[in-house]
Each structure stands twice: as C-alpha cells, then as structure tokens.
Amino acid sequence: TTGMTILYVDDDREDYEVFPEALNHLSPSSNCVWADSCTQALKVLEGKKLPDYLFLDSIMPGEGGLDCVRRIRAEKRLKNITIVIYTGMIPEHDKILYRDFGVELFWKKTNTFNELVTILSSIFPKDKDA
C-alpha cells in the first residue's frame, strides 16, 4: 500500500471526511483524492497516474454509480482499475450488473472510524513496515 492513491467519488462531502483519516491510519504514505461526481472523477482519471483504487458511491444525483462504472470501463486505460462500491444501500440485482463490469467489492457505508479501518484493511494489503 505504500504510496497508494485512492479516488473517492461521492456527492456527500461529509461521507468523505473520515475516509482519508482511516486510510492514513493504515497507510500513512497513501493519498486520497475526492471527486463529487462522475464527471469530476473522469477528469481526475485523465491524469497521468491512475489511482490504485476507486471508491464509488452508487447513489448520486445525475449519473449514478452504474452509469459511472460503464463510462470508466469504456476507456481502455481504465479497464483494470479496481472499483469498490461504497454506498448506503445496494440491491442484489445491482450487484449483478456491477459484476458484469468486473466490480467485485461492495461495502456499506459507515461513519465510524474503526469500522472504516476494518473495511479498508480487508481490501488493502498492509504496509510492510506498519
């Protein structure tokens, strides 16, 4: 996880706030970027260095998570980016649709620091020196 970059896409700034702290707790050298919409996320993804993981809320005004995943996967260089759906609620049938786009990780949002650390530590490999 050393030097890992995560793009967090969510229209709700408050949901994002605890995220970098929890990430930093696990991997002090990691970097977190916030985008408040799919459009903004795609702008970030035009950059030279792609994030290692993309955390995506599935319920956003305008383009929801599924539309966003569809647009991301349509770009050749973004085909293999790891997408984690991190959202309030996700119906089973939506999971099937996400899986068609290679999305395998689904987590329910939490706003407690410890729960988030637990979720993140189940996804990321630990820093070797942490």
Protein backbone atom coordinates (compact mmCIF):
# COMPACT_ATOMS: atom_id res chain seq x y z
CA THR A 1 0.00 0.00 0.00
CA THR A 2 3.00 2.31 0.07
CA GLY A 3 2.30 5.45 -1.90
CA MET A 4 -1.12 4.17 -2.89
CA THR A 5 -3.65 6.61 -4.36
CA ILE A 6 -7.38 6.31 -3.92
CA LEU A 7 -10.04 8.24 -5.78
CA TYR A 8 -13.17 8.62 -3.67
CA VAL A 9 -16.28 9.54 -5.66
CA ASP A 10 -19.27 10.73 -3.65
CA ASP A 11 -21.58 13.73 -3.79
CA ASP A 12 -21.61 13.90 0.03
CA ARG A 13 -18.57 15.67 1.45
CA GLU A 14 -19.40 14.50 4.99
CA ASP A 15 -19.22 10.85 3.98
CA TYR A 16 -15.75 11.52 2.65
CA GLU A 17 -14.38 13.26 5.73
CA VAL A 18 -13.46 10.24 7.86
CA PHE A 19 -12.10 8.35 4.85
CA PRO A 20 -8.61 9.91 4.46
CA GLU A 21 -8.06 9.60 8.22
CA ALA A 22 -8.85 5.89 8.21
CA LEU A 23 -6.71 5.39 5.12
CA ASN A 24 -3.84 7.29 6.68
CA HIS A 25 -4.10 5.14 9.78
CA LEU A 26 -3.46 2.04 7.66
CA SER A 27 -1.09 3.54 5.14
CA PRO A 28 0.49 6.88 6.12
CA SER A 29 2.07 7.28 2.67
CA SER A 30 -1.20 6.90 0.80
CA ASN A 31 -3.03 9.71 -0.90
CA CYS A 32 -6.76 10.27 -1.24
CA VAL A 33 -8.48 12.38 -3.89
CA TRP A 34 -12.14 13.34 -3.67
CA ALA A 35 -14.47 13.84 -6.64
CA ASP A 36 -18.09 14.87 -6.08
CA SER A 37 -19.49 13.50 -9.34
CA CYS A 38 -18.83 11.03 -12.12
CA THR A 39 -17.85 13.88 -14.42
CA GLN A 40 -15.26 15.12 -11.95
CA ALA A 41 -13.98 11.57 -11.40
CA LEU A 42 -13.45 11.11 -15.14
CA LYS A 43 -11.48 14.38 -15.22
CA VAL A 44 -9.21 13.07 -12.45
CA LEU A 45 -8.81 9.80 -14.35
CA GLU A 46 -7.45 11.69 -17.35
CA GLY A 47 -4.31 12.38 -15.31
CA LYS A 48 -1.04 10.58 -15.95
CA LYS A 49 -1.04 8.49 -12.78
CA LEU A 50 -4.14 6.39 -12.28
CA PRO A 51 -5.38 5.75 -8.75
CA ASP A 52 -4.85 2.25 -7.37
CA TYR A 53 -8.46 2.04 -6.20
CA LEU A 54 -11.64 3.89 -6.95
CA PHE A 55 -14.28 4.07 -4.22
CA LEU A 56 -17.65 4.89 -5.69
CA ASP A 57 -21.00 5.80 -4.18
CA SER A 58 -23.74 4.14 -6.21
CA ILE A 59 -26.40 6.73 -5.39
CA MET A 60 -25.54 10.20 -6.67
CA PRO A 61 -27.55 12.94 -8.34
CA GLY A 62 -27.18 12.89 -12.11
CA GLU A 63 -25.09 9.91 -13.05
CA GLY A 64 -25.29 7.11 -10.53
CA GLY A 65 -22.62 4.56 -9.81
CA LEU A 66 -23.58 2.11 -12.53
CA ASP A 67 -23.51 4.76 -15.27
CA CYS A 68 -20.19 5.93 -13.94
CA VAL A 69 -18.71 2.41 -13.97
CA ARG A 70 -19.99 1.97 -17.51
CA ARG A 71 -18.20 5.16 -18.60
CA ILE A 72 -14.99 4.24 -16.81
CA ARG A 73 -14.87 0.74 -18.27
CA ALA A 74 -15.50 2.14 -21.76
CA GLU A 75 -12.00 3.64 -21.66
CA LYS A 76 -9.25 1.19 -22.49
CA ARG A 77 -6.73 2.52 -19.98
CA LEU A 78 -9.27 2.31 -17.15
CA LYS A 79 -10.30 -1.29 -17.81
CA ASN A 80 -8.30 -2.75 -14.92
CA ILE A 81 -8.72 -0.12 -12.24
CA THR A 82 -10.09 -1.68 -9.04
CA ILE A 83 -13.52 -0.25 -8.27
CA VAL A 84 -15.08 -0.58 -4.82
CA ILE A 85 -18.76 0.26 -4.47
CA TYR A 86 -19.04 2.06 -1.14
CA THR A 87 -22.62 3.12 -0.63
CA GLY A 88 -25.58 3.35 1.72
CA MET A 89 -27.57 0.52 0.19
CA ILE A 90 -27.17 -1.71 -2.82
CA PRO A 91 -29.86 -4.07 -4.14
CA GLU A 92 -28.70 -7.57 -5.08
CA HIS A 93 -29.75 -7.14 -8.72
CA ASP A 94 -27.49 -4.07 -8.96
CA LYS A 95 -24.55 -6.16 -7.75
CA ILE A 96 -25.08 -8.49 -10.71
CA LEU A 97 -24.95 -5.53 -13.09
CA TYR A 98 -21.79 -4.19 -11.43
CA ARG A 99 -20.15 -7.62 -11.63
CA ASP A 100 -20.66 -7.56 -15.41
CA PHE A 101 -18.20 -4.65 -15.36
CA GLY A 102 -15.71 -6.51 -13.19
CA VAL A 103 -16.69 -4.89 -9.90
CA GLU A 104 -16.37 -7.40 -7.06
CA LEU A 105 -16.14 -5.29 -3.91
CA PHE A 106 -19.24 -3.92 -2.22
CA TRP A 107 -19.27 -2.23 1.17
CA LYS A 108 -21.98 -0.49 3.12
CA LYS A 109 -21.01 2.99 4.25
CA THR A 110 -20.04 3.52 7.84
CA ASN A 111 -19.26 6.76 9.58
CA THR A 112 -17.32 5.23 12.43
CA PHE A 113 -13.57 5.40 12.14
CA ASN A 114 -12.92 1.87 13.46
CA GLU A 115 -15.42 0.20 11.16
CA LEU A 116 -13.93 2.01 8.18
CA VAL A 117 -10.40 0.96 9.18
CA THR A 118 -11.67 -2.65 9.34
CA ILE A 119 -13.24 -2.38 5.88
CA LEU A 120 -10.12 -0.82 4.37
CA SER A 121 -7.79 -3.33 5.98
CA SER A 122 -9.81 -6.15 4.43
CA ILE A 123 -9.34 -4.61 0.98
CA PHE A 124 -5.75 -3.38 1.00
CA PRO A 125 -2.56 -5.24 1.60
CA LYS A 126 -0.91 -3.91 4.77
CA ASP A 127 2.17 -1.71 4.58
CA LYS A 128 5.12 -3.99 5.21
CA ASP A 129 6.58 -1.64 7.80
CA ALA A 130 3.32 -0.75 9.55
